[in-house]
């Protein structure tokens, strides 16, 4: 079972930036497409960004131009650079390759 360790969340003012990290145990990280998801209070979890094993990326329209997903396969770590944050970005953020335990996620709170 893959274990995910999150860091980088916090409280930031609108317009600010945060960089999230998700470190995964196990040796299969580099073989998997990886995704960031988020879940706001009272809402369903939504897909935010995806990066393939070769580095191709895709984003949900609401974060395009503001968020950047990246990965370091040598460190088994996924990143999400978030710039120009908005209050509507407030959520718990998770990473996954599909089928893994979600872990605790990391809270991002953007104040207006």
PDB file of N, CA and C in Angstrom:
ATOM      1  N   UNK A   1       0.847  -1.196   0.000  1.00  0.00           N
ATOM      2  CA  UNK A   1       0.000   0.000   0.000  1.00  0.00           C
ATOM      3  C   UNK A   1       0.887   1.253   0.000  1.00  0.00           C
ATOM      4  N   UNK A   2       0.575   2.178  -0.877  1.00  0.00           N
ATOM      5  CA  UNK A   2       1.333   3.427  -0.975  1.00  0.00           C
ATOM      6  C   UNK A   2       0.886   4.366   0.138  1.00  0.00           C
ATOM      7  N   UNK A   3       1.859   4.993   0.776  1.00  0.00           N
ATOM      8  CA  UNK A   3       1.589   5.970   1.817  1.00  0.00           C
ATOM      9  C   UNK A   3       1.957   7.352   1.299  1.00  0.00           C
ATOM     10  N   UNK A   4       1.027   8.301   1.446  1.00  0.00           N
ATOM     11  CA  UNK A   4       1.222   9.666   0.947  1.00  0.00           C
ATOM     12  C   UNK A   4       1.448  10.624   2.112  1.00  0.00           C
ATOM     13  N   UNK A   5       2.467  11.461   1.986  1.00  0.00           N
ATOM     14  CA  UNK A   5       2.773  12.468   2.997  1.00  0.00           C
ATOM     15  C   UNK A   5       2.701  13.835   2.345  1.00  0.00           C
ATOM     16  N   UNK A   6       1.836  14.685   2.891  1.00  0.00           N
ATOM     17  CA  UNK A   6       1.582  16.006   2.328  1.00  0.00           C
ATOM     18  C   UNK A   6       2.272  17.101   3.130  1.00  0.00           C
ATOM     19  N   UNK A   7       2.612  18.178   2.426  1.00  0.00           N
ATOM     20  CA  UNK A   7       3.119  19.364   3.094  1.00  0.00           C
ATOM     21  C   UNK A   7       2.866  20.576   2.216  1.00  0.00           C
ATOM     22  N   UNK A   8       2.964  21.743   2.811  1.00  0.00           N
ATOM     23  CA  UNK A   8       2.908  22.979   2.049  1.00  0.00           C
ATOM     24  C   UNK A   8       1.608  23.748   2.120  1.00  0.00           C
ATOM     25  N   UNK A   9       0.580  23.186   2.701  1.00  0.00           N
ATOM     26  CA  UNK A   9      -0.669  23.917   2.810  1.00  0.00           C
ATOM     27  C   UNK A   9      -0.565  25.013   3.860  1.00  0.00           C
ATOM     28  N   UNK A  10      -1.630  25.809   3.952  1.00  0.00           N
ATOM     29  CA  UNK A  10      -1.634  26.871   4.949  1.00  0.00           C
ATOM     30  C   UNK A  10      -2.659  27.924   4.648  1.00  0.00           C
ATOM     31  N   UNK A  11      -2.534  29.029   5.377  1.00  0.00           N
ATOM     32  CA  UNK A  11      -3.424  30.188   5.214  1.00  0.00           C
ATOM     33  C   UNK A  11      -2.689  31.271   4.446  1.00  0.00           C
ATOM     34  N   UNK A  12      -3.330  31.799   3.413  1.00  0.00           N
ATOM     35  CA  UNK A  12      -2.703  32.824   2.585  1.00  0.00           C
ATOM     36  C   UNK A  12      -3.777  33.817   2.148  1.00  0.00           C
ATOM     37  N   UNK A  13      -3.367  35.039   1.919  1.00  0.00           N
ATOM     38  CA  UNK A  13      -4.299  36.051   1.422  1.00  0.00           C
ATOM     39  C   UNK A  13      -4.523  35.875  -0.078  1.00  0.00           C
ATOM     40  N   UNK A  14      -5.661  36.329  -0.523  1.00  0.00           N
ATOM     41  CA  UNK A  14      -5.951  36.284  -1.957  1.00  0.00           C
ATOM     42  C   UNK A  14      -4.825  36.969  -2.734  1.00  0.00           C
ATOM     43  N   UNK A  15      -4.435  36.342  -3.839  1.00  0.00           N
ATOM     44  CA  UNK A  15      -3.322  36.839  -4.632  1.00  0.00           C
ATOM     45  C   UNK A  15      -1.987  36.230  -4.270  1.00  0.00           C
ATOM     46  N   UNK A  16      -1.952  35.515  -3.165  1.00  0.00           N
ATOM     47  CA  UNK A  16      -0.717  34.907  -2.706  1.00  0.00           C
ATOM     48  C   UNK A  16      -0.423  33.580  -3.382  1.00  0.00           C
ATOM     49  N   UNK A  17       0.647  32.938  -2.914  1.00  0.00           N
ATOM     50  CA  UNK A  17       1.113  31.688  -3.510  1.00  0.00           C
ATOM     51  C   UNK A  17       1.403  30.648  -2.439  1.00  0.00           C
ATOM     52  N   UNK A  18       1.266  29.396  -2.826  1.00  0.00           N
ATOM     53  CA  UNK A  18       1.654  28.271  -2.003  1.00  0.00           C
ATOM     54  C   UNK A  18       2.201  27.178  -2.904  1.00  0.00           C
ATOM     55  N   UNK A  19       3.073  26.351  -2.362  1.00  0.00           N
ATOM     56  CA  UNK A  19       3.573  25.184  -3.089  1.00  0.00           C
ATOM     57  C   UNK A  19       3.282  23.938  -2.263  1.00  0.00           C
ATOM     58  N   UNK A  20       2.468  23.072  -2.810  1.00  0.00           N
ATOM     59  CA  UNK A  20       2.116  21.829  -2.143  1.00  0.00           C
ATOM     60  C   UNK A  20       3.057  20.713  -2.579  1.00  0.00           C
ATOM     61  N   UNK A  21       3.325  19.798  -1.653  1.00  0.00           N
ATOM     62  CA  UNK A  21       4.121  18.620  -1.962  1.00  0.00           C
ATOM     63  C   UNK A  21       3.380  17.372  -1.513  1.00  0.00           C
ATOM     64  N   UNK A  22       3.592  16.289  -2.243  1.00  0.00           N
ATOM     65  CA  UNK A  22       2.997  15.001  -1.904  1.00  0.00           C
ATOM     66  C   UNK A  22       4.075  13.945  -2.158  1.00  0.00           C
ATOM     67  N   UNK A  23       4.593  13.377  -1.090  1.00  0.00           N
ATOM     68  CA  UNK A  23       5.632  12.361  -1.191  1.00  0.00           C
ATOM     69  C   UNK A  23       4.994  10.984  -1.061  1.00  0.00           C
ATOM     70  N   UNK A  24       5.325  10.112  -1.999  1.00  0.00           N
ATOM     71  CA  UNK A  24       4.724   8.778  -2.031  1.00  0.00           C
ATOM     72  C   UNK A  24       5.767   7.704  -1.728  1.00  0.00           C
ATOM     73  N   UNK A  25       5.389   6.763  -0.918  1.00  0.00           N
ATOM     74  CA  UNK A  25       6.267   5.621  -0.656  1.00  0.00           C
ATOM     75  C   UNK A  25       6.173   4.643  -1.823  1.00  0.00           C
ATOM     76  N   UNK A  26       7.097   3.713  -1.903  1.00  0.00           N
ATOM     77  CA  UNK A  26       7.010   2.698  -2.938  1.00  0.00           C
ATOM     78  C   UNK A  26       7.790   3.061  -4.191  1.00  0.00           C
ATOM     79  N   UNK A  27       7.990   2.093  -5.051  1.00  0.00           N
ATOM     80  CA  UNK A  27       8.852   2.262  -6.211  1.00  0.00           C
ATOM     81  C   UNK A  27       8.097   2.473  -7.513  1.00  0.00           C
ATOM     82  N   UNK A  28       6.766   2.534  -7.447  1.00  0.00           N
ATOM     83  CA  UNK A  28       6.007   2.640  -8.692  1.00  0.00           C
ATOM     84  C   UNK A  28       5.638   4.070  -9.060  1.00  0.00           C
ATOM     85  N   UNK A  29       6.040   5.030  -8.249  1.00  0.00           N
ATOM     86  CA  UNK A  29       5.643   6.428  -8.466  1.00  0.00           C
ATOM     87  C   UNK A  29       5.943   6.877  -9.879  1.00  0.00           C
ATOM     88  N   UNK A  30       7.163   6.611 -10.339  1.00  0.00           N
ATOM     89  CA  UNK A  30       7.587   7.147 -11.644  1.00  0.00           C
ATOM     90  C   UNK A  30       6.799   6.552 -12.802  1.00  0.00           C
ATOM     91  N   UNK A  31       6.150   5.426 -12.577  1.00  0.00           N
ATOM     92  CA  UNK A  31       5.431   4.752 -13.642  1.00  0.00           C
ATOM     93  C   UNK A  31       4.000   5.256 -13.802  1.00  0.00           C
ATOM     94  N   UNK A  32       3.537   6.027 -12.811  1.00  0.00           N
ATOM     95  CA  UNK A  32       2.139   6.417 -12.777  1.00  0.00           C
ATOM     96  C   UNK A  32       1.901   7.855 -13.192  1.00  0.00           C
ATOM     97  N   UNK A  33       0.805   8.087 -13.914  1.00  0.00           N
ATOM     98  CA  UNK A  33       0.293   9.444 -14.013  1.00  0.00           C
ATOM     99  C   UNK A  33      -0.181   9.830 -12.615  1.00  0.00           C
ATOM    100  N   UNK A  34       0.049  11.083 -12.247  1.00  0.00           N
ATOM    101  CA  UNK A  34      -0.303  11.558 -10.919  1.00  0.00           C
ATOM    102  C   UNK A  34      -1.232  12.759 -11.028  1.00  0.00           C
ATOM    103  N   UNK A  35      -2.113  12.873 -10.064  1.00  0.00           N
ATOM    104  CA  UNK A  35      -3.098  13.945 -10.091  1.00  0.00           C
ATOM    105  C   UNK A  35      -3.197  14.638  -8.746  1.00  0.00           C
ATOM    106  N   UNK A  36      -3.561  15.918  -8.795  1.00  0.00           N
ATOM    107  CA  UNK A  36      -3.980  16.669  -7.622  1.00  0.00           C
ATOM    108  C   UNK A  36      -5.490  16.822  -7.679  1.00  0.00           C
ATOM    109  N   UNK A  37      -6.121  16.623  -6.530  1.00  0.00           N
ATOM    110  CA  UNK A  37      -7.548  16.814  -6.369  1.00  0.00           C
ATOM    111  C   UNK A  37      -7.770  17.811  -5.219  1.00  0.00           C
ATOM    112  N   UNK A  38      -8.974  18.329  -5.127  1.00  0.00           N
ATOM    113  CA  UNK A  38      -9.317  19.157  -3.969  1.00  0.00           C
ATOM    114  C   UNK A  38     -10.777  18.936  -3.605  1.00  0.00           C
ATOM    115  N   UNK A  39     -11.044  19.133  -2.319  1.00  0.00           N
ATOM    116  CA  UNK A  39     -12.403  19.002  -1.825  1.00  0.00           C
ATOM    117  C   UNK A  39     -12.711  20.171  -0.898  1.00  0.00           C
ATOM    118  N   UNK A  40     -13.620  21.014  -1.344  1.00  0.00           N
ATOM    119  CA  UNK A  40     -14.062  22.146  -0.541  1.00  0.00           C
ATOM    120  C   UNK A  40     -15.186  21.687   0.388  1.00  0.00           C
ATOM    121  N   UNK A  41     -15.400  22.415   1.483  1.00  0.00           N
ATOM    122  CA  UNK A  41     -16.459  22.033   2.420  1.00  0.00           C
ATOM    123  C   UNK A  41     -17.812  21.911   1.734  1.00  0.00           C
ATOM    124  N   UNK A  42     -18.482  20.789   1.952  1.00  0.00           N
ATOM    125  CA  UNK A  42     -19.806  20.579   1.393  1.00  0.00           C
ATOM    126  C   UNK A  42     -19.845  20.241  -0.082  1.00  0.00           C
ATOM    127  N   UNK A  43     -18.670  20.064  -0.687  1.00  0.00           N
ATOM    128  CA  UNK A  43     -18.613  19.775  -2.123  1.00  0.00           C
ATOM    129  C   UNK A  43     -17.912  18.453  -2.371  1.00  0.00           C
ATOM    130  N   UNK A  44     -18.103  17.935  -3.575  1.00  0.00           N
ATOM    131  CA  UNK A  44     -17.430  16.697  -3.962  1.00  0.00           C
ATOM    132  C   UNK A  44     -15.970  16.970  -4.304  1.00  0.00           C
ATOM    133  N   UNK A  45     -15.165  15.954  -4.161  1.00  0.00           N
ATOM    134  CA  UNK A  45     -13.765  16.060  -4.551  1.00  0.00           C
ATOM    135  C   UNK A  45     -13.694  16.267  -6.068  1.00  0.00           C
ATOM    136  N   UNK A  46     -12.832  17.197  -6.493  1.00  0.00           N
ATOM    137  CA  UNK A  46     -12.688  17.475  -7.916  1.00  0.00           C
ATOM    138  C   UNK A  46     -11.234  17.359  -8.351  1.00  0.00           C
ATOM    139  N   UNK A  47     -11.070  16.953  -9.594  1.00  0.00           N
ATOM    140  CA  UNK A  47      -9.747  16.870 -10.187  1.00  0.00           C
ATOM    141  C   UNK A  47      -9.251  18.268 -10.535  1.00  0.00           C
ATOM    142  N   UNK A  48      -8.009  18.557 -10.172  1.00  0.00           N
ATOM    143  CA  UNK A  48      -7.438  19.883 -10.411  1.00  0.00           C
ATOM    144  C   UNK A  48      -6.392  19.854 -11.522  1.00  0.00           C
ATOM    145  N   UNK A  49      -5.483  18.884 -11.460  1.00  0.00           N
ATOM    146  CA  UNK A  49      -4.390  18.834 -12.426  1.00  0.00           C
ATOM    147  C   UNK A  49      -3.862  17.411 -12.521  1.00  0.00           C
ATOM    148  N   UNK A  50      -3.336  17.095 -13.690  1.00  0.00           N
ATOM    149  CA  UNK A  50      -2.788  15.770 -13.959  1.00  0.00           C
ATOM    150  C   UNK A  50      -1.432  15.908 -14.630  1.00  0.00           C
ATOM    151  N   UNK A  51      -0.504  15.024 -14.284  1.00  0.00           N
ATOM    152  CA  UNK A  51       0.783  14.960 -14.968  1.00  0.00           C
ATOM    153  C   UNK A  51       1.055  13.502 -15.310  1.00  0.00           C
ATOM    154  N   UNK A  52       1.385  13.247 -16.558  1.00  0.00           N
ATOM    155  CA  UNK A  52       1.666  11.885 -16.984  1.00  0.00           C
ATOM    156  C   UNK A  52       3.046  11.456 -16.493  1.00  0.00           C
ATOM    157  N   UNK A  53       3.340  10.189 -16.698  1.00  0.00           N
ATOM    158  CA  UNK A  53       4.657   9.685 -16.304  1.00  0.00           C
ATOM    159  C   UNK A  53       5.769  10.358 -17.110  1.00  0.00           C
ATOM    160  N   UNK A  54       5.433  10.848 -18.295  1.00  0.00           N
ATOM    161  CA  UNK A  54       6.427  11.504 -19.140  1.00  0.00           C
ATOM    162  C   UNK A  54       6.442  13.017 -18.972  1.00  0.00           C
ATOM    163  N   UNK A  55       5.518  13.544 -18.150  1.00  0.00           N
ATOM    164  CA  UNK A  55       5.545  14.972 -17.850  1.00  0.00           C
ATOM    165  C   UNK A  55       4.498  15.820 -18.536  1.00  0.00           C
ATOM    166  N   UNK A  56       3.636  15.241 -19.331  1.00  0.00           N
ATOM    167  CA  UNK A  56       2.554  16.025 -19.933  1.00  0.00           C
ATOM    168  C   UNK A  56       1.552  16.423 -18.857  1.00  0.00           C
ATOM    169  N   UNK A  57       1.005  17.615 -18.995  1.00  0.00           N
ATOM    170  CA  UNK A  57       0.125  18.142 -17.949  1.00  0.00           C
ATOM    171  C   UNK A  57      -1.227  18.578 -18.503  1.00  0.00           C
ATOM    172  N   UNK A  58      -2.227  18.542 -17.637  1.00  0.00           N
ATOM    173  CA  UNK A  58      -3.557  19.060 -17.938  1.00  0.00           C
ATOM    174  C   UNK A  58      -4.140  19.656 -16.672  1.00  0.00           C
ATOM    175  N   UNK A  59      -4.983  20.677 -16.865  1.00  0.00           N
ATOM    176  CA  UNK A  59      -5.545  21.395 -15.733  1.00  0.00           C
ATOM    177  C   UNK A  59      -7.048  21.626 -15.927  1.00  0.00           C
ATOM    178  N   UNK A  60      -7.753  21.695 -14.823  1.00  0.00           N
ATOM    179  CA  UNK A  60      -9.143  22.125 -14.893  1.00  0.00           C
ATOM    180  C   UNK A  60      -9.136  23.614 -15.252  1.00  0.00           C
ATOM    181  N   UNK A  61     -10.149  24.059 -15.965  1.00  0.00           N
ATOM    182  CA  UNK A  61     -10.157  25.425 -16.491  1.00  0.00           C
ATOM    183  C   UNK A  61      -9.974  26.479 -15.395  1.00  0.00           C
ATOM    184  N   UNK A  62     -10.517  26.229 -14.217  1.00  0.00           N
ATOM    185  CA  UNK A  62     -10.502  27.239 -13.163  1.00  0.00           C
ATOM    186  C   UNK A  62      -9.110  27.533 -12.618  1.00  0.00           C
ATOM    187  N   UNK A  63      -8.130  26.689 -12.887  1.00  0.00           N
ATOM    188  CA  UNK A  63      -6.785  26.917 -12.369  1.00  0.00           C
ATOM    189  C   UNK A  63      -5.756  27.130 -13.474  1.00  0.00           C
ATOM    190  N   UNK A  64      -6.155  27.027 -14.712  1.00  0.00           N
ATOM    191  CA  UNK A  64      -5.217  27.201 -15.821  1.00  0.00           C
ATOM    192  C   UNK A  64      -4.573  28.576 -15.755  1.00  0.00           C
ATOM    193  N   UNK A  65      -3.258  28.596 -15.929  1.00  0.00           N
ATOM    194  CA  UNK A  65      -2.524  29.854 -15.890  1.00  0.00           C
ATOM    195  C   UNK A  65      -2.131  30.282 -14.491  1.00  0.00           C
ATOM    196  N   UNK A  66      -2.664  29.613 -13.471  1.00  0.00           N
ATOM    197  CA  UNK A  66      -2.346  29.966 -12.082  1.00  0.00           C
ATOM    198  C   UNK A  66      -1.611  28.839 -11.359  1.00  0.00           C
ATOM    199  N   UNK A  67      -1.964  27.600 -11.651  1.00  0.00           N
ATOM    200  CA  UNK A  67      -1.360  26.442 -10.984  1.00  0.00           C
ATOM    201  C   UNK A  67      -0.427  25.713 -11.939  1.00  0.00           C
ATOM    202  N   UNK A  68       0.636  25.120 -11.388  1.00  0.00           N
ATOM    203  CA  UNK A  68       1.559  24.304 -12.164  1.00  0.00           C
ATOM    204  C   UNK A  68       1.838  23.008 -11.414  1.00  0.00           C
ATOM    205  N   UNK A  69       1.559  21.892 -12.073  1.00  0.00           N
ATOM    206  CA  UNK A  69       1.846  20.580 -11.499  1.00  0.00           C
ATOM    207  C   UNK A  69       3.201  20.110 -12.022  1.00  0.00           C
ATOM    208  N   UNK A  70       3.982  19.492 -11.142  1.00  0.00           N
ATOM    209  CA  UNK A  70       5.278  18.955 -11.550  1.00  0.00           C
ATOM    210  C   UNK A  70       5.602  17.749 -10.681  1.00  0.00           C
ATOM    211  N   UNK A  71       6.636  17.041 -11.072  1.00  0.00           N
ATOM    212  CA  UNK A  71       7.005  15.842 -10.330  1.00  0.00           C
ATOM    213  C   UNK A  71       8.518  15.674 -10.316  1.00  0.00           C
ATOM    214  N   UNK A  72       9.009  15.043  -9.264  1.00  0.00           N
ATOM    215  CA  UNK A  72      10.421  14.666  -9.155  1.00  0.00           C
ATOM    216  C   UNK A  72      10.441  13.166  -8.896  1.00  0.00           C
ATOM    217  N   UNK A  73      10.662  12.397  -9.932  1.00  0.00           N
ATOM    218  CA  UNK A  73      10.602  10.941  -9.791  1.00  0.00           C
ATOM    219  C   UNK A  73      11.719  10.404  -8.903  1.00  0.00           C
ATOM    220  N   UNK A  74      12.836  11.095  -8.850  1.00  0.00           N
ATOM    221  CA  UNK A  74      13.937  10.647  -7.996  1.00  0.00           C
ATOM    222  C   UNK A  74      13.565  10.742  -6.516  1.00  0.00           C
ATOM    223  N   UNK A  75      12.665  11.670  -6.214  1.00  0.00           N
ATOM    224  CA  UNK A  75      12.227  11.867  -4.828  1.00  0.00           C
ATOM    225  C   UNK A  75      10.835  11.308  -4.573  1.00  0.00           C
ATOM    226  N   UNK A  76      10.242  10.674  -5.589  1.00  0.00           N
ATOM    227  CA  UNK A  76       8.869  10.159  -5.447  1.00  0.00           C
ATOM    228  C   UNK A  76       7.919  11.242  -4.940  1.00  0.00           C
ATOM    229  N   UNK A  77       8.062  12.443  -5.478  1.00  0.00           N
ATOM    230  CA  UNK A  77       7.303  13.575  -4.955  1.00  0.00           C
ATOM    231  C   UNK A  77       6.588  14.328  -6.075  1.00  0.00           C
ATOM    232  N   UNK A  78       5.354  14.670  -5.792  1.00  0.00           N
ATOM    233  CA  UNK A  78       4.503  15.457  -6.684  1.00  0.00           C
ATOM    234  C   UNK A  78       4.354  16.851  -6.093  1.00  0.00           C
ATOM    235  N   UNK A  79       4.329  17.861  -6.946  1.00  0.00           N
ATOM    236  CA  UNK A  79       4.209  19.245  -6.491  1.00  0.00           C
ATOM    237  C   UNK A  79       3.028  19.938  -7.165  1.00  0.00           C
ATOM    238  N   UNK A  80       2.531  20.964  -6.494  1.00  0.00           N
ATOM    239  CA  UNK A  80       1.546  21.855  -7.093  1.00  0.00           C
ATOM    240  C   UNK A  80       1.895  23.279  -6.681  1.00  0.00           C
ATOM    241  N   UNK A  81       2.399  24.052  -7.629  1.00  0.00           N
ATOM    242  CA  UNK A  81       2.670  25.467  -7.399  1.00  0.00           C
ATOM    243  C   UNK A  81       1.388  26.237  -7.680  1.00  0.00           C
ATOM    244  N   UNK A  82       0.917  26.959  -6.696  1.00  0.00           N
ATOM    245  CA  UNK A  82      -0.341  27.686  -6.819  1.00  0.00           C
ATOM    246  C   UNK A  82      -0.079  29.175  -6.662  1.00  0.00           C
ATOM    247  N   UNK A  83      -0.335  29.926  -7.700  1.00  0.00           N
ATOM    248  CA  UNK A  83      -0.155  31.379  -7.696  1.00  0.00           C
ATOM    249  C   UNK A  83      -1.499  32.069  -7.868  1.00  0.00           C
ATOM    250  N   UNK A  84      -1.525  33.355  -7.575  1.00  0.00           N
ATOM    251  CA  UNK A  84      -2.745  34.161  -7.723  1.00  0.00           C
ATOM    252  C   UNK A  84      -3.940  33.461  -7.089  1.00  0.00           C
ATOM    253  N   UNK A  85      -3.751  33.008  -5.884  1.00  0.00           N
ATOM    254  CA  UNK A  85      -4.801  32.237  -5.211  1.00  0.00           C
ATOM    255  C   UNK A  85      -6.043  33.072  -4.957  1.00  0.00           C
ATOM    256  N   UNK A  86      -7.182  32.390  -5.025  1.00  0.00           N
ATOM    257  CA  UNK A  86      -8.482  33.010  -4.825  1.00  0.00           C
ATOM    258  C   UNK A  86      -9.196  32.319  -3.655  1.00  0.00           C
ATOM    259  N   UNK A  87     -10.127  33.013  -3.027  1.00  0.00           N
ATOM    260  CA  UNK A  87     -10.873  32.364  -1.932  1.00  0.00           C
ATOM    261  C   UNK A  87     -11.534  31.055  -2.353  1.00  0.00           C
ATOM    262  N   UNK A  88     -11.956  30.970  -3.599  1.00  0.00           N
ATOM    263  CA  UNK A  88     -12.607  29.741  -4.071  1.00  0.00           C
ATOM    264  C   UNK A  88     -11.641  28.574  -4.242  1.00  0.00           C
ATOM    265  N   UNK A  89     -10.346  28.819  -4.074  1.00  0.00           N
ATOM    266  CA  UNK A  89      -9.369  27.726  -4.071  1.00  0.00           C
ATOM    267  C   UNK A  89      -9.283  27.049  -2.706  1.00  0.00           C
ATOM    268  N   UNK A  90      -9.958  27.597  -1.715  1.00  0.00           N
ATOM    269  CA  UNK A  90      -9.944  27.020  -0.378  1.00  0.00           C
ATOM    270  C   UNK A  90     -10.508  25.599  -0.399  1.00  0.00           C
ATOM    271  N   UNK A  91      -9.711  24.653   0.082  1.00  0.00           N
ATOM    272  CA  UNK A  91     -10.098  23.242   0.050  1.00  0.00           C
ATOM    273  C   UNK A  91      -9.001  22.414   0.712  1.00  0.00           C
ATOM    274  N   UNK A  92      -9.305  21.148   0.917  1.00  0.00           N
ATOM    275  CA  UNK A  92      -8.264  20.185   1.261  1.00  0.00           C
ATOM    276  C   UNK A  92      -7.775  19.585  -0.056  1.00  0.00           C
ATOM    277  N   UNK A  93      -6.481  19.600  -0.236  1.00  0.00           N
ATOM    278  CA  UNK A  93      -5.873  19.127  -1.474  1.00  0.00           C
ATOM    279  C   UNK A  93      -5.259  17.747  -1.254  1.00  0.00           C
ATOM    280  N   UNK A  94      -5.461  16.880  -2.245  1.00  0.00           N
ATOM    281  CA  UNK A  94      -4.979  15.506  -2.192  1.00  0.00           C
ATOM    282  C   UNK A  94      -4.254  15.166  -3.492  1.00  0.00           C
ATOM    283  N   UNK A  95      -3.367  14.201  -3.416  1.00  0.00           N
ATOM    284  CA  UNK A  95      -2.778  13.657  -4.632  1.00  0.00           C
ATOM    285  C   UNK A  95      -3.132  12.180  -4.721  1.00  0.00           C
ATOM    286  N   UNK A  96      -3.058  11.638  -5.920  1.00  0.00           N
ATOM    287  CA  UNK A  96      -3.338  10.215  -6.106  1.00  0.00           C
ATOM    288  C   UNK A  96      -2.949   9.800  -7.507  1.00  0.00           C
ATOM    289  N   UNK A  97      -2.702   8.500  -7.639  1.00  0.00           N
ATOM    290  CA  UNK A  97      -2.474   7.916  -8.951  1.00  0.00           C
ATOM    291  C   UNK A  97      -3.690   7.107  -9.382  1.00  0.00           C
ATOM    292  N   UNK A  98      -4.674   7.008  -8.489  1.00  0.00           N
ATOM    293  CA  UNK A  98      -5.840   6.178  -8.764  1.00  0.00           C
ATOM    294  C   UNK A  98      -5.772   4.904  -7.956  1.00  0.00           C
ATOM    295  N   UNK A  99      -6.696   4.740  -7.040  1.00  0.00           N
ATOM    296  CA  UNK A  99      -6.760   3.511  -6.267  1.00  0.00           C
ATOM    297  C   UNK A  99      -5.942   3.511  -4.999  1.00  0.00           C
ATOM    298  N   UNK A 100      -5.154   4.574  -4.781  1.00  0.00           N
ATOM    299  CA  UNK A 100      -4.381   4.654  -3.542  1.00  0.00           C
ATOM    300  C   UNK A 100      -5.240   5.221  -2.424  1.00  0.00           C
ATOM    301  N   UNK A 101      -4.842   4.918  -1.191  1.00  0.00           N
ATOM    302  CA  UNK A 101      -5.456   5.572  -0.053  1.00  0.00           C
ATOM    303  C   UNK A 101      -5.173   7.068  -0.143  1.00  0.00           C
ATOM    304  N   UNK A 102      -6.164   7.916   0.168  1.00  0.00           N
ATOM    305  CA  UNK A 102      -6.018   9.355  -0.035  1.00  0.00           C
ATOM    306  C   UNK A 102      -5.112  10.011   0.988  1.00  0.00           C
ATOM    307  N   UNK A 103      -5.020   9.448   2.166  1.00  0.00           N
ATOM    308  CA  UNK A 103      -4.277  10.118   3.214  1.00  0.00           C
ATOM    309  C   UNK A 103      -5.039  11.317   3.746  1.00  0.00           C
ATOM    310  N   UNK A 104      -4.355  12.148   4.524  1.00  0.00           N
ATOM    311  CA  UNK A 104      -5.043  13.257   5.198  1.00  0.00           C
ATOM    312  C   UNK A 104      -5.165  14.510   4.342  1.00  0.00           C
ATOM    313  N   UNK A 105      -4.419  14.577   3.254  1.00  0.00           N
ATOM    314  CA  UNK A 105      -4.476  15.781   2.441  1.00  0.00           C
ATOM    315  C   UNK A 105      -3.804  16.950   3.144  1.00  0.00           C
ATOM    316  N   UNK A 106      -3.840  18.108   2.492  1.00  0.00           N
ATOM    317  CA  UNK A 106      -3.288  19.322   3.075  1.00  0.00           C
ATOM    318  C   UNK A 106      -4.274  20.469   2.873  1.00  0.00           C
ATOM    319  N   UNK A 107      -4.539  21.200   3.948  1.00  0.00           N
ATOM    320  CA  UNK A 107      -5.536  22.263   3.920  1.00  0.00           C
ATOM    321  C   UNK A 107      -4.957  23.532   3.320  1.00  0.00           C
ATOM    322  N   UNK A 108      -5.681  24.094   2.375  1.00  0.00           N
ATOM    323  CA  UNK A 108      -5.349  25.405   1.808  1.00  0.00           C
ATOM    324  C   UNK A 108      -6.520  26.333   2.090  1.00  0.00           C
ATOM    325  N   UNK A 109      -6.217  27.443   2.743  1.00  0.00           N
ATOM    326  CA  UNK A 109      -7.248  28.426   3.049  1.00  0.00           C
ATOM    327  C   UNK A 109      -6.809  29.776   2.497  1.00  0.00           C
ATOM    328  N   UNK A 110      -7.645  30.356   1.653  1.00  0.00           N
ATOM    329  CA  UNK A 110      -7.342  31.642   1.030  1.00  0.00           C
ATOM    330  C   UNK A 110      -8.341  32.672   1.545  1.00  0.00           C
ATOM    331  N   UNK A 111      -7.818  33.679   2.214  1.00  0.00           N
ATOM    332  CA  UNK A 111      -8.680  34.719   2.770  1.00  0.00           C
ATOM    333  C   UNK A 111      -8.839  35.862   1.781  1.00  0.00           C
ATOM    334  N   UNK A 112      -9.996  36.504   1.826  1.00  0.00           N
ATOM    335  CA  UNK A 112     -10.263  37.610   0.902  1.00  0.00           C
ATOM    336  C   UNK A 112      -9.835  38.940   1.492  1.00  0.00           C
TER     337      UNK A 112
END
